Amino acid sequence: MIRINDNRLNWFGPLILFIFGHVFFRLGFWLEAPPTALFHSVLVGIGAGYLFWHLNRTIIHQVQRRFPGLELTQKRLGMLLLLTPLLVNGAVFFRFGLHILLGSRPALWLGPVDYTASLGIQLFYHFVYFSVYEGRYVLLHWKETYEEKEDLIKAQWQTRFNSLKSQVNPHFLFNSLNALSALIEESPAQAARFVDELSNMYRYLLQANDEELVMLSTELKFIESYTHLLQTRYGSGLCVRTAVYEHYLTRLLPPLTLQLLVENAVKHNVILANQPLIIEIDTTETGQLRVRNNLQRKNGRVLSNGVGLSNIADKYRMLAQTDIIIQDGDGHFTVLVPLLN
């Protein structure tokens, strides 16, 4: 719920509306009425104006809490429309009752002309109430949605840039080319597969630029290529196991989520043939993707570009208003991310 600081509006809004209404609707009365009638009119107008301004403000805020967000704007407007006859007639007869108490109205009942005129004025006032508070609410929500969209776009491009940068760094290319050179002599068939995997990986990185969400099956195919390249460097020191329920393969997640999680595990843990890093990718019964690795942290500070987990968490907050779950204990590091429909 967006909080709106409208203290000044609460004080000056009713006063401005009172002046506007009397200038445009009752100017003749103000020019001809005796001082006592003018005093009563000011007293009733300002008193009832503040009361119904705040009453409508409270009702509108309650309706906004009941039907929040831009997607429920139509329901909010429908509810306010249903309440309008009650509020408008309440304002008409409340003002008339105050005039009777002050003795400025001799009759105990409004005639049809006075009632119609008063009803029209109150309809205008209530249109202003609704326009001010509902219009401001919609504008602020639209602005918030726009800013979230912009932040999401920036986060996605930052992720893709850093992912590409981390993969195209000289060390990665040097290791990949050395591995390819050795494979060409030892096993041409494996060398050809290595080139295919490298090509698949870069093709996916480029295609992901155009997507906000991808299917889990697509991410898993990319991870196969990425894992194959990592294993040319780490050999038996790295093991990636995948066990995903088939009916979750069409679920969605932000592109490169798995790559960032695998990269995070590789970056922060020791990887040796006699001390292998085991990364497990599976799904839970509650529809979450689980990435888990045994903990064997590197000594000293690990250089990081600041992407990783915080970037994934920001994406999920903006895309699905939900959080990822991070668990660190029992000798394992686990990240649970929601799979979206």
C-alpha atoms as a PDB file:
ATOM      1  CA  MET A   1       0.000   0.000   0.000  1.00  0.00           C
ATOM      2  CA  ILE A   2       1.448   3.359  -1.024  1.00  0.00           C
ATOM      3  CA  ARG A   3       1.412   5.874   1.786  1.00  0.00           C
ATOM      4  CA  ILE A   4       0.352   9.363   0.810  1.00  0.00           C
ATOM      5  CA  ASN A   5       1.277  12.343   2.964  1.00  0.00           C
ATOM      6  CA  ASP A   6      -1.683  14.667   2.425  1.00  0.00           C
ATOM      7  CA  ASN A   7      -1.653  16.842   5.564  1.00  0.00           C
ATOM      8  CA  ARG A   8      -1.649  20.102   3.614  1.00  0.00           C
ATOM      9  CA  LEU A   9      -4.337  18.826   1.302  1.00  0.00           C
ATOM     10  CA  ASN A  10      -6.519  17.941   4.296  1.00  0.00           C
ATOM     11  CA  TRP A  11      -6.271  21.482   5.634  1.00  0.00           C
ATOM     12  CA  PHE A  12      -6.431  23.572   2.489  1.00  0.00           C
ATOM     13  CA  GLY A  13      -8.521  21.306   0.231  1.00  0.00           C
ATOM     14  CA  PRO A  14     -11.898  21.884   1.937  1.00  0.00           C
ATOM     15  CA  LEU A  15     -11.241  25.620   2.206  1.00  0.00           C
ATOM     16  CA  ILE A  16     -10.344  25.963  -1.475  1.00  0.00           C
ATOM     17  CA  LEU A  17     -13.352  23.856  -2.478  1.00  0.00           C
ATOM     18  CA  PHE A  18     -15.630  26.013  -0.296  1.00  0.00           C
ATOM     19  CA  ILE A  19     -14.392  29.226  -1.939  1.00  0.00           C
ATOM     20  CA  PHE A  20     -14.614  27.739  -5.427  1.00  0.00           C
ATOM     21  CA  GLY A  21     -18.129  26.391  -4.876  1.00  0.00           C
ATOM     22  CA  HIS A  22     -19.532  29.650  -3.519  1.00  0.00           C
ATOM     23  CA  VAL A  23     -17.903  31.773  -6.231  1.00  0.00           C
ATOM     24  CA  PHE A  24     -19.245  29.620  -9.073  1.00  0.00           C
ATOM     25  CA  PHE A  25     -22.518  28.327  -7.597  1.00  0.00           C
ATOM     26  CA  ARG A  26     -23.700  30.912  -5.058  1.00  0.00           C
ATOM     27  CA  LEU A  27     -22.163  34.227  -6.072  1.00  0.00           C
ATOM     28  CA  GLY A  28     -25.574  35.922  -6.222  1.00  0.00           C
ATOM     29  CA  PHE A  29     -26.335  34.855  -2.663  1.00  0.00           C
ATOM     30  CA  TRP A  30     -23.032  36.279  -1.429  1.00  0.00           C
ATOM     31  CA  LEU A  31     -23.703  39.620  -3.090  1.00  0.00           C
ATOM     32  CA  GLU A  32     -27.256  40.007  -1.740  1.00  0.00           C
ATOM     33  CA  ALA A  33     -27.551  38.060   1.543  1.00  0.00           C
ATOM     34  CA  PRO A  34     -27.533  39.832   4.955  1.00  0.00           C
ATOM     35  CA  PRO A  35     -24.514  39.396   7.269  1.00  0.00           C
ATOM     36  CA  THR A  36     -26.237  36.826   9.498  1.00  0.00           C
ATOM     37  CA  ALA A  37     -27.100  34.582   6.546  1.00  0.00           C
ATOM     38  CA  LEU A  38     -23.561  34.917   5.238  1.00  0.00           C
ATOM     39  CA  PHE A  39     -22.153  33.956   8.633  1.00  0.00           C
ATOM     40  CA  HIS A  40     -24.403  30.901   8.822  1.00  0.00           C
ATOM     41  CA  SER A  41     -23.496  29.919   5.267  1.00  0.00           C
ATOM     42  CA  VAL A  42     -19.767  30.164   6.023  1.00  0.00           C
ATOM     43  CA  LEU A  43     -20.161  28.204   9.251  1.00  0.00           C
ATOM     44  CA  VAL A  44     -22.177  25.418   7.626  1.00  0.00           C
ATOM     45  CA  GLY A  45     -20.133  25.372   4.432  1.00  0.00           C
ATOM     46  CA  ILE A  46     -16.704  25.144   6.078  1.00  0.00           C
ATOM     47  CA  GLY A  47     -17.826  22.828   8.899  1.00  0.00           C
ATOM     48  CA  ALA A  48     -19.641  20.389   6.626  1.00  0.00           C
ATOM     49  CA  GLY A  49     -16.901  20.753   4.006  1.00  0.00           C
ATOM     50  CA  TYR A  50     -14.167  19.604   6.390  1.00  0.00           C
ATOM     51  CA  LEU A  51     -16.346  16.818   7.783  1.00  0.00           C
ATOM     52  CA  PHE A  52     -17.286  15.340   4.402  1.00  0.00           C
ATOM     53  CA  TRP A  53     -13.821  15.868   2.947  1.00  0.00           C
ATOM     54  CA  HIS A  54     -12.331  13.729   5.718  1.00  0.00           C
ATOM     55  CA  LEU A  55     -15.214  11.248   5.653  1.00  0.00           C
ATOM     56  CA  ASN A  56     -14.801  10.685   1.925  1.00  0.00           C
ATOM     57  CA  ARG A  57     -11.023  10.508   2.276  1.00  0.00           C
ATOM     58  CA  THR A  58     -11.405   7.753   4.888  1.00  0.00           C
ATOM     59  CA  ILE A  59     -13.927   5.823   2.788  1.00  0.00           C
ATOM     60  CA  ILE A  60     -11.794   6.092  -0.354  1.00  0.00           C
ATOM     61  CA  HIS A  61      -8.717   4.866   1.531  1.00  0.00           C
ATOM     62  CA  GLN A  62     -10.672   1.922   2.911  1.00  0.00           C
ATOM     63  CA  VAL A  63     -11.857   1.003  -0.590  1.00  0.00           C
ATOM     64  CA  GLN A  64      -8.259   1.265  -1.821  1.00  0.00           C
ATOM     65  CA  ARG A  65      -7.106  -1.103   0.915  1.00  0.00           C
ATOM     66  CA  ARG A  66      -9.900  -3.514   0.018  1.00  0.00           C
ATOM     67  CA  PHE A  67      -9.111  -3.392  -3.726  1.00  0.00           C
ATOM     68  CA  PRO A  68      -5.441  -2.367  -3.996  1.00  0.00           C
ATOM     69  CA  GLY A  69      -3.352  -1.783  -7.095  1.00  0.00           C
ATOM     70  CA  LEU A  70      -3.921  -0.702 -10.670  1.00  0.00           C
ATOM     71  CA  GLU A  71      -5.463  -4.017 -11.713  1.00  0.00           C
ATOM     72  CA  LEU A  72      -8.406  -3.479  -9.329  1.00  0.00           C
ATOM     73  CA  THR A  73      -9.106   0.139 -10.327  1.00  0.00           C
ATOM     74  CA  GLN A  74     -12.389  -0.816 -12.011  1.00  0.00           C
ATOM     75  CA  LYS A  75     -13.670  -2.526  -8.854  1.00  0.00           C
ATOM     76  CA  ARG A  76     -12.701   0.480  -6.725  1.00  0.00           C
ATOM     77  CA  LEU A  77     -14.519   2.876  -9.040  1.00  0.00           C
ATOM     78  CA  GLY A  78     -17.579   0.625  -9.046  1.00  0.00           C
ATOM     79  CA  MET A  79     -17.652   0.550  -5.248  1.00  0.00           C
ATOM     80  CA  LEU A  80     -17.261   4.325  -5.019  1.00  0.00           C
ATOM     81  CA  LEU A  81     -20.045   4.772  -7.573  1.00  0.00           C
ATOM     82  CA  LEU A  82     -22.372   2.623  -5.455  1.00  0.00           C
ATOM     83  CA  LEU A  83     -21.568   4.708  -2.368  1.00  0.00           C
ATOM     84  CA  THR A  84     -22.047   8.050  -4.141  1.00  0.00           C
ATOM     85  CA  PRO A  85     -25.877   8.382  -3.752  1.00  0.00           C
ATOM     86  CA  LEU A  86     -25.631   7.680  -0.028  1.00  0.00           C
ATOM     87  CA  LEU A  87     -22.765  10.103   0.541  1.00  0.00           C
ATOM     88  CA  VAL A  88     -24.219  12.874  -1.624  1.00  0.00           C
ATOM     89  CA  ASN A  89     -27.658  12.752  -0.002  1.00  0.00           C
ATOM     90  CA  GLY A  90     -26.041  12.545   3.408  1.00  0.00           C
ATOM     91  CA  ALA A  91     -24.129  15.746   2.671  1.00  0.00           C
ATOM     92  CA  VAL A  92     -27.271  17.529   1.399  1.00  0.00           C
ATOM     93  CA  PHE A  93     -29.412  16.730   4.435  1.00  0.00           C
ATOM     94  CA  PHE A  94     -26.591  17.226   6.924  1.00  0.00           C
ATOM     95  CA  ARG A  95     -26.061  20.793   5.680  1.00  0.00           C
ATOM     96  CA  PHE A  96     -29.809  21.403   5.654  1.00  0.00           C
ATOM     97  CA  GLY A  97     -30.036  20.123   9.243  1.00  0.00           C
ATOM     98  CA  LEU A  98     -27.278  22.491  10.357  1.00  0.00           C
ATOM     99  CA  HIS A  99     -29.127  25.415   8.797  1.00  0.00           C
ATOM    100  CA  ILE A 100     -32.299  24.445  10.683  1.00  0.00           C
ATOM    101  CA  LEU A 101     -30.342  24.293  13.958  1.00  0.00           C
ATOM    102  CA  LEU A 102     -28.896  27.751  13.273  1.00  0.00           C
ATOM    103  CA  GLY A 103     -32.321  29.109  12.346  1.00  0.00           C
ATOM    104  CA  SER A 104     -31.295  30.126   8.839  1.00  0.00           C
ATOM    105  CA  ARG A 105     -33.880  27.805   7.207  1.00  0.00           C
ATOM    106  CA  PRO A 106     -37.519  28.219   8.279  1.00  0.00           C
ATOM    107  CA  ALA A 107     -38.888  25.165   6.428  1.00  0.00           C
ATOM    108  CA  LEU A 108     -38.417  21.647   7.757  1.00  0.00           C
ATOM    109  CA  TRP A 109     -38.189  20.165   4.277  1.00  0.00           C
ATOM    110  CA  LEU A 110     -36.230  20.982   1.140  1.00  0.00           C
ATOM    111  CA  GLY A 111     -38.293  21.896  -1.879  1.00  0.00           C
ATOM    112  CA  PRO A 112     -37.555  20.171  -5.196  1.00  0.00           C
ATOM    113  CA  VAL A 113     -35.664  23.189  -6.561  1.00  0.00           C
ATOM    114  CA  ASP A 114     -33.440  23.573  -3.487  1.00  0.00           C
ATOM    115  CA  TYR A 115     -32.897  19.822  -3.292  1.00  0.00           C
ATOM    116  CA  THR A 116     -31.900  19.565  -6.960  1.00  0.00           C
ATOM    117  CA  ALA A 117     -29.529  22.545  -6.683  1.00  0.00           C
ATOM    118  CA  SER A 118     -27.956  21.205  -3.471  1.00  0.00           C
ATOM    119  CA  LEU A 119     -27.676  17.721  -4.968  1.00  0.00           C
ATOM    120  CA  GLY A 120     -25.830  19.069  -8.016  1.00  0.00           C
ATOM    121  CA  ILE A 121     -23.373  21.011  -5.860  1.00  0.00           C
ATOM    122  CA  GLN A 122     -22.682  17.988  -3.640  1.00  0.00           C
ATOM    123  CA  LEU A 123     -22.224  15.762  -6.673  1.00  0.00           C
ATOM    124  CA  PHE A 124     -19.562  18.165  -7.881  1.00  0.00           C
ATOM    125  CA  TYR A 125     -17.884  18.179  -4.456  1.00  0.00           C
ATOM    126  CA  HIS A 126     -17.844  14.377  -4.289  1.00  0.00           C
ATOM    127  CA  PHE A 127     -16.473  14.159  -7.800  1.00  0.00           C
ATOM    128  CA  VAL A 128     -13.609  16.347  -6.569  1.00  0.00           C
ATOM    129  CA  TYR A 129     -13.049  14.099  -3.524  1.00  0.00           C
ATOM    130  CA  PHE A 130     -12.889  10.978  -5.686  1.00  0.00           C
ATOM    131  CA  SER A 131     -10.735  12.628  -8.344  1.00  0.00           C
ATOM    132  CA  VAL A 132      -8.213  13.950  -5.821  1.00  0.00           C
ATOM    133  CA  TYR A 133      -7.690  10.774  -3.819  1.00  0.00           C
ATOM    134  CA  GLU A 134      -8.332   8.081  -6.408  1.00  0.00           C
ATOM    135  CA  GLY A 135      -6.519  10.025  -9.129  1.00  0.00           C
ATOM    136  CA  ARG A 136      -3.513  10.541  -6.893  1.00  0.00           C
ATOM    137  CA  TYR A 137      -3.569   6.886  -5.858  1.00  0.00           C
ATOM    138  CA  VAL A 138      -3.619   5.677  -9.471  1.00  0.00           C
ATOM    139  CA  LEU A 139      -0.873   8.116 -10.488  1.00  0.00           C
ATOM    140  CA  LEU A 140       1.445   7.051  -7.670  1.00  0.00           C
ATOM    141  CA  HIS A 141       0.839   3.357  -8.363  1.00  0.00           C
ATOM    142  CA  TRP A 142       1.492   3.897 -12.056  1.00  0.00           C
ATOM    143  CA  LYS A 143       4.718   5.714 -11.200  1.00  0.00           C
ATOM    144  CA  GLU A 144       5.769   2.923  -8.840  1.00  0.00           C
ATOM    145  CA  THR A 145       5.005   0.257 -11.467  1.00  0.00           C
ATOM    146  CA  TYR A 146       6.951   2.200 -14.082  1.00  0.00           C
ATOM    147  CA  GLU A 147       9.960   2.580 -11.769  1.00  0.00           C
ATOM    148  CA  GLU A 148       9.858  -1.131 -10.875  1.00  0.00           C
ATOM    149  CA  LYS A 149       9.788  -1.962 -14.574  1.00  0.00           C
ATOM    150  CA  GLU A 150      12.780   0.303 -15.183  1.00  0.00           C
ATOM    151  CA  ASP A 151      14.652  -1.253 -12.245  1.00  0.00           C
ATOM    152  CA  LEU A 152      13.886  -4.721 -13.578  1.00  0.00           C
ATOM    153  CA  ILE A 153      15.199  -3.821 -17.023  1.00  0.00           C
ATOM    154  CA  LYS A 154      18.388  -2.399 -15.481  1.00  0.00           C
ATOM    155  CA  ALA A 155      18.830  -5.479 -13.301  1.00  0.00           C
ATOM    156  CA  GLN A 156      18.352  -7.795 -16.275  1.00  0.00           C
ATOM    157  CA  TRP A 157      20.846  -5.958 -18.431  1.00  0.00           C
ATOM    158  CA  GLN A 158      23.324  -5.789 -15.561  1.00  0.00           C
ATOM    159  CA  THR A 159      22.957  -9.529 -15.033  1.00  0.00           C
ATOM    160  CA  ARG A 160      23.424 -10.314 -18.706  1.00  0.00           C
ATOM    161  CA  PHE A 161      26.371  -7.949 -19.029  1.00  0.00           C
ATOM    162  CA  ASN A 162      28.128  -9.364 -15.980  1.00  0.00           C
ATOM    163  CA  SER A 163      27.336 -12.902 -17.042  1.00  0.00           C
ATOM    164  CA  LEU A 164      28.771 -12.312 -20.493  1.00  0.00           C
ATOM    165  CA  LYS A 165      31.725 -10.460 -19.007  1.00  0.00           C
ATOM    166  CA  SER A 166      32.474 -13.258 -16.556  1.00  0.00           C
ATOM    167  CA  GLN A 167      32.351 -15.844 -19.312  1.00  0.00           C
ATOM    168  CA  VAL A 168      34.318 -13.875 -21.892  1.00  0.00           C
ATOM    169  CA  ASN A 169      37.108 -12.910 -19.512  1.00  0.00           C
ATOM    170  CA  PRO A 170      40.631 -13.850 -20.648  1.00  0.00           C
ATOM    171  CA  HIS A 171      41.035 -16.638 -18.079  1.00  0.00           C
ATOM    172  CA  PHE A 172      37.859 -18.358 -19.192  1.00  0.00           C
ATOM    173  CA  LEU A 173      38.780 -18.116 -22.875  1.00  0.00           C
ATOM    174  CA  PHE A 174      42.369 -19.148 -22.170  1.00  0.00           C
ATOM    175  CA  ASN A 175      41.272 -22.241 -20.242  1.00  0.00           C
ATOM    176  CA  SER A 176      38.638 -23.090 -22.835  1.00  0.00           C
ATOM    177  CA  LEU A 177      41.071 -22.776 -25.744  1.00  0.00           C
ATOM    178  CA  ASN A 178      43.725 -24.805 -23.923  1.00  0.00           C
ATOM    179  CA  ALA A 179      41.164 -27.510 -23.232  1.00  0.00           C
ATOM    180  CA  LEU A 180      40.032 -27.377 -26.856  1.00  0.00           C
ATOM    181  CA  SER A 181      43.625 -27.595 -28.097  1.00  0.00           C
ATOM    182  CA  ALA A 182      44.279 -30.677 -25.996  1.00  0.00           C
ATOM    183  CA  LEU A 183      41.017 -32.284 -27.048  1.00  0.00           C
ATOM    184  CA  ILE A 184      41.739 -31.760 -30.755  1.00  0.00           C
ATOM    185  CA  GLU A 185      44.829 -33.950 -30.450  1.00  0.00           C
ATOM    186  CA  GLU A 186      43.467 -36.474 -27.974  1.00  0.00           C
ATOM    187  CA  SER A 187      39.815 -36.784 -29.012  1.00  0.00           C
ATOM    188  CA  PRO A 188      38.506 -34.934 -32.060  1.00  0.00           C
ATOM    189  CA  ALA A 189      34.966 -36.092 -31.250  1.00  0.00           C
ATOM    190  CA  GLN A 190      35.139 -34.542 -27.772  1.00  0.00           C
ATOM    191  CA  ALA A 191      36.655 -31.396 -29.259  1.00  0.00           C
ATOM    192  CA  ALA A 192      33.717 -31.069 -31.615  1.00  0.00           C
ATOM    193  CA  ARG A 193      31.303 -31.492 -28.708  1.00  0.00           C
ATOM    194  CA  PHE A 194      33.238 -28.897 -26.730  1.00  0.00           C
ATOM    195  CA  VAL A 195      32.881 -26.379 -29.567  1.00  0.00           C
ATOM    196  CA  ASP A 196      29.152 -27.145 -29.776  1.00  0.00           C
ATOM    197  CA  GLU A 197      28.704 -26.593 -26.050  1.00  0.00           C
ATOM    198  CA  LEU A 198      30.640 -23.325 -26.186  1.00  0.00           C
ATOM    199  CA  SER A 199      28.503 -22.200 -29.117  1.00  0.00           C
ATOM    200  CA  ASN A 200      25.277 -23.195 -27.344  1.00  0.00           C
ATOM    201  CA  MET A 201      26.271 -21.293 -24.245  1.00  0.00           C
ATOM    202  CA  TYR A 202      26.986 -18.023 -26.050  1.00  0.00           C
ATOM    203  CA  ARG A 203      23.904 -18.380 -28.217  1.00  0.00           C
ATOM    204  CA  TYR A 204      21.739 -18.698 -25.102  1.00  0.00           C
ATOM    205  CA  LEU A 205      23.428 -15.714 -23.441  1.00  0.00           C
ATOM    206  CA  LEU A 206      22.593 -13.572 -26.456  1.00  0.00           C
ATOM    207  CA  GLN A 207      19.012 -14.852 -26.793  1.00  0.00           C
ATOM    208  CA  ALA A 208      18.313 -14.293 -23.086  1.00  0.00           C
ATOM    209  CA  ASN A 209      18.673 -10.553 -23.651  1.00  0.00           C
ATOM    210  CA  ASP A 210      15.139 -10.456 -25.102  1.00  0.00           C
ATOM    211  CA  GLU A 211      13.366 -12.471 -22.390  1.00  0.00           C
ATOM    212  CA  GLU A 212      12.047 -11.614 -18.940  1.00  0.00           C
ATOM    213  CA  LEU A 213      11.219 -15.244 -18.135  1.00  0.00           C
ATOM    214  CA  VAL A 214      12.267 -18.570 -19.656  1.00  0.00           C
ATOM    215  CA  MET A 215      11.148 -22.153 -19.134  1.00  0.00           C
ATOM    216  CA  LEU A 216      13.046 -24.280 -16.654  1.00  0.00           C
ATOM    217  CA  SER A 217      13.767 -26.816 -19.405  1.00  0.00           C
ATOM    218  CA  THR A 218      15.586 -24.101 -21.373  1.00  0.00           C
ATOM    219  CA  GLU A 219      17.669 -23.108 -18.363  1.00  0.00           C
ATOM    220  CA  LEU A 220      18.608 -26.737 -17.718  1.00  0.00           C
ATOM    221  CA  LYS A 221      19.835 -27.203 -21.301  1.00  0.00           C
ATOM    222  CA  PHE A 222      22.011 -24.128 -20.884  1.00  0.00           C
ATOM    223  CA  ILE A 223      23.388 -25.444 -17.581  1.00  0.00           C
ATOM    224  CA  GLU A 224      24.398 -28.673 -19.338  1.00  0.00           C
ATOM    225  CA  SER A 225      26.575 -26.662 -21.717  1.00  0.00           C
ATOM    226  CA  TYR A 226      27.878 -24.446 -18.932  1.00  0.00           C
ATOM    227  CA  THR A 227      28.699 -27.462 -16.729  1.00  0.00           C
ATOM    228  CA  HIS A 228      30.516 -29.211 -19.557  1.00  0.00           C
ATOM    229  CA  LEU A 229      32.771 -26.201 -20.011  1.00  0.00           C
ATOM    230  CA  LEU A 230      33.416 -25.920 -16.276  1.00  0.00           C
ATOM    231  CA  GLN A 231      34.346 -29.584 -16.100  1.00  0.00           C
ATOM    232  CA  THR A 232      37.014 -29.128 -18.762  1.00  0.00           C
ATOM    233  CA  ARG A 233      38.695 -26.881 -16.207  1.00  0.00           C
ATOM    234  CA  TYR A 234      37.916 -28.641 -12.926  1.00  0.00           C
ATOM    235  CA  GLY A 235      37.576 -32.217 -14.127  1.00  0.00           C
ATOM    236  CA  SER A 236      36.410 -34.658 -11.478  1.00  0.00           C
ATOM    237  CA  GLY A 237      36.580 -31.881  -8.889  1.00  0.00           C
ATOM    238  CA  LEU A 238      33.150 -30.632 -10.001  1.00  0.00           C
ATOM    239  CA  CYS A 239      29.965 -32.670 -10.110  1.00  0.00           C
ATOM    240  CA  VAL A 240      26.566 -31.216 -11.080  1.00  0.00           C
ATOM    241  CA  ARG A 241      23.547 -33.469 -10.493  1.00  0.00           C
ATOM    242  CA  THR A 242      20.112 -32.670 -11.875  1.00  0.00           C
ATOM    243  CA  ALA A 243      16.860 -34.288 -10.746  1.00  0.00           C
ATOM    244  CA  VAL A 244      13.858 -32.178 -11.731  1.00  0.00           C
ATOM    245  CA  TYR A 245      10.251 -33.394 -11.839  1.00  0.00           C
ATOM    246  CA  GLU A 246       9.086 -33.443 -15.443  1.00  0.00           C
ATOM    247  CA  HIS A 247       5.861 -31.503 -14.808  1.00  0.00           C
ATOM    248  CA  TYR A 248       7.940 -28.540 -13.572  1.00  0.00           C
ATOM    249  CA  LEU A 249       9.932 -28.225 -16.810  1.00  0.00           C
ATOM    250  CA  THR A 250       7.427 -25.770 -18.307  1.00  0.00           C
ATOM    251  CA  ARG A 251       7.489 -23.503 -15.242  1.00  0.00           C
ATOM    252  CA  LEU A 252       9.194 -20.126 -15.619  1.00  0.00           C
ATOM    253  CA  LEU A 253      12.086 -18.296 -14.000  1.00  0.00           C
ATOM    254  CA  PRO A 254      14.297 -15.309 -14.877  1.00  0.00           C
ATOM    255  CA  PRO A 255      16.971 -16.207 -17.455  1.00  0.00           C
ATOM    256  CA  LEU A 256      20.466 -17.060 -16.184  1.00  0.00           C
ATOM    257  CA  THR A 257      19.170 -17.774 -12.671  1.00  0.00           C
ATOM    258  CA  LEU A 258      20.715 -21.251 -12.653  1.00  0.00           C
ATOM    259  CA  GLN A 259      23.954 -20.013 -14.156  1.00  0.00           C
ATOM    260  CA  LEU A 260      24.320 -17.408 -11.413  1.00  0.00           C
ATOM    261  CA  LEU A 261      23.631 -19.983  -8.700  1.00  0.00           C
ATOM    262  CA  VAL A 262      26.110 -22.491 -10.122  1.00  0.00           C
ATOM    263  CA  GLU A 263      28.673 -19.735 -10.646  1.00  0.00           C
ATOM    264  CA  ASN A 264      28.146 -18.589  -7.052  1.00  0.00           C
ATOM    265  CA  ALA A 265      28.875 -22.106  -5.755  1.00  0.00           C
ATOM    266  CA  VAL A 266      31.979 -22.448  -7.935  1.00  0.00           C
ATOM    267  CA  LYS A 267      33.289 -19.031  -6.978  1.00  0.00           C
ATOM    268  CA  HIS A 268      33.075 -19.441  -3.211  1.00  0.00           C
ATOM    269  CA  ASN A 269      34.129 -23.061  -2.712  1.00  0.00           C
ATOM    270  CA  VAL A 270      37.298 -25.137  -3.024  1.00  0.00           C
ATOM    271  CA  ILE A 271      37.209 -27.513  -6.011  1.00  0.00           C
ATOM    272  CA  LEU A 272      39.703 -30.378  -6.012  1.00  0.00           C
ATOM    273  CA  ALA A 273      39.704 -33.915  -7.387  1.00  0.00           C
ATOM    274  CA  ASN A 274      40.069 -35.319  -3.866  1.00  0.00           C
ATOM    275  CA  GLN A 275      37.642 -32.737  -2.472  1.00  0.00           C
ATOM    276  CA  PRO A 276      34.904 -32.434  -5.119  1.00  0.00           C
ATOM    277  CA  LEU A 277      32.257 -29.731  -5.136  1.00  0.00           C
ATOM    278  CA  ILE A 278      28.865 -31.372  -5.609  1.00  0.00           C
ATOM    279  CA  ILE A 279      26.039 -29.138  -6.875  1.00  0.00           C
ATOM    280  CA  GLU A 280      22.519 -30.603  -6.822  1.00  0.00           C
ATOM    281  CA  ILE A 281      19.671 -29.080  -8.853  1.00  0.00           C
ATOM    282  CA  ASP A 282      16.212 -30.409  -8.097  1.00  0.00           C
ATOM    283  CA  THR A 283      12.636 -29.322  -7.333  1.00  0.00           C
ATOM    284  CA  THR A 284      10.533 -29.431  -4.191  1.00  0.00           C
ATOM    285  CA  GLU A 285       6.951 -30.587  -3.790  1.00  0.00           C
ATOM    286  CA  THR A 286       5.885 -26.964  -3.248  1.00  0.00           C
ATOM    287  CA  GLY A 287       7.057 -25.886  -6.705  1.00  0.00           C
ATOM    288  CA  GLN A 288      10.461 -24.432  -5.889  1.00  0.00           C
ATOM    289  CA  LEU A 289      13.750 -24.942  -7.665  1.00  0.00           C
ATOM    290  CA  ARG A 290      16.456 -26.008  -5.216  1.00  0.00           C
ATOM    291  CA  VAL A 291      20.175 -25.524  -5.867  1.00  0.00           C
ATOM    292  CA  ARG A 292      22.333 -27.105  -3.154  1.00  0.00           C
ATOM    293  CA  ASN A 293      26.077 -27.589  -2.742  1.00  0.00           C
ATOM    294  CA  ASN A 294      28.359 -28.999  -0.072  1.00  0.00           C
ATOM    295  CA  LEU A 295      30.202 -26.275   1.831  1.00  0.00           C
ATOM    296  CA  GLN A 296      33.978 -26.116   1.481  1.00  0.00           C
ATOM    297  CA  ARG A 297      34.580 -22.398   1.535  1.00  0.00           C
ATOM    298  CA  LYS A 298      37.747 -20.850   0.192  1.00  0.00           C
ATOM    299  CA  ASN A 299      40.077 -19.217   2.687  1.00  0.00           C
ATOM    300  CA  GLY A 300      40.342 -15.459   2.413  1.00  0.00           C
ATOM    301  CA  ARG A 301      38.205 -12.963   0.571  1.00  0.00           C
ATOM    302  CA  VAL A 302      36.682 -13.943  -2.754  1.00  0.00           C
ATOM    303  CA  LEU A 303      36.471 -11.251  -5.421  1.00  0.00           C
ATOM    304  CA  SER A 304      32.867 -10.682  -6.496  1.00  0.00           C
ATOM    305  CA  ASN A 305      31.156  -8.376  -8.996  1.00  0.00           C
ATOM    306  CA  GLY A 306      28.091  -8.015  -6.752  1.00  0.00           C
ATOM    307  CA  VAL A 307      25.664  -9.912  -8.965  1.00  0.00           C
ATOM    308  CA  GLY A 308      24.719 -13.386  -7.734  1.00  0.00           C
ATOM    309  CA  LEU A 309      22.118 -13.884  -5.054  1.00  0.00           C
ATOM    310  CA  SER A 310      21.146 -10.235  -4.522  1.00  0.00           C
ATOM    311  CA  ASN A 311      20.442  -9.844  -8.217  1.00  0.00           C
ATOM    312  CA  ILE A 312      18.227 -12.938  -8.289  1.00  0.00           C
ATOM    313  CA  ALA A 313      16.398 -11.763  -5.151  1.00  0.00           C
ATOM    314  CA  ASP A 314      15.758  -8.318  -6.697  1.00  0.00           C
ATOM    315  CA  LYS A 315      14.352  -9.883  -9.860  1.00  0.00           C
ATOM    316  CA  TYR A 316      11.890 -12.057  -7.959  1.00  0.00           C
ATOM    317  CA  ARG A 317      10.705  -9.134  -5.845  1.00  0.00           C
ATOM    318  CA  MET A 318      10.018  -7.082  -8.966  1.00  0.00           C
ATOM    319  CA  LEU A 319       8.585  -9.872 -11.125  1.00  0.00           C
ATOM    320  CA  ALA A 320       6.546 -11.861  -8.625  1.00  0.00           C
ATOM    321  CA  GLN A 321       6.550  -9.900  -5.322  1.00  0.00           C
ATOM    322  CA  THR A 322       8.173 -12.878  -3.619  1.00  0.00           C
ATOM    323  CA  ASP A 323      11.536 -13.712  -2.068  1.00  0.00           C
ATOM    324  CA  ILE A 324      14.074 -16.448  -2.580  1.00  0.00           C
ATOM    325  CA  ILE A 325      15.072 -18.591   0.412  1.00  0.00           C
ATOM    326  CA  ILE A 326      18.730 -18.983   1.413  1.00  0.00           C
ATOM    327  CA  GLN A 327      19.767 -21.714   3.855  1.00  0.00           C
ATOM    328  CA  ASP A 328      23.280 -22.106   5.214  1.00  0.00           C
ATOM    329  CA  GLY A 329      23.790 -25.029   7.591  1.00  0.00           C
ATOM    330  CA  ASP A 330      24.469 -28.747   8.076  1.00  0.00           C
ATOM    331  CA  GLY A 331      27.480 -28.524   5.806  1.00  0.00           C
ATOM    332  CA  HIS A 332      25.439 -27.364   2.807  1.00  0.00           C
ATOM    333  CA  PHE A 333      24.479 -24.080   1.144  1.00  0.00           C
ATOM    334  CA  THR A 334      20.972 -24.114  -0.352  1.00  0.00           C
ATOM    335  CA  VAL A 335      19.008 -21.614  -2.402  1.00  0.00           C
ATOM    336  CA  LEU A 336      15.292 -22.069  -3.105  1.00  0.00           C
ATOM    337  CA  VAL A 337      13.756 -19.998  -5.890  1.00  0.00           C
ATOM    338  CA  PRO A 338      10.048 -20.027  -6.860  1.00  0.00           C
ATOM    339  CA  LEU A 339       9.060 -21.493 -10.209  1.00  0.00           C
ATOM    340  CA  LEU A 340       6.452 -19.218 -11.779  1.00  0.00           C
ATOM    341  CA  ASN A 341       3.376 -20.151 -13.796  1.00  0.00           C
END
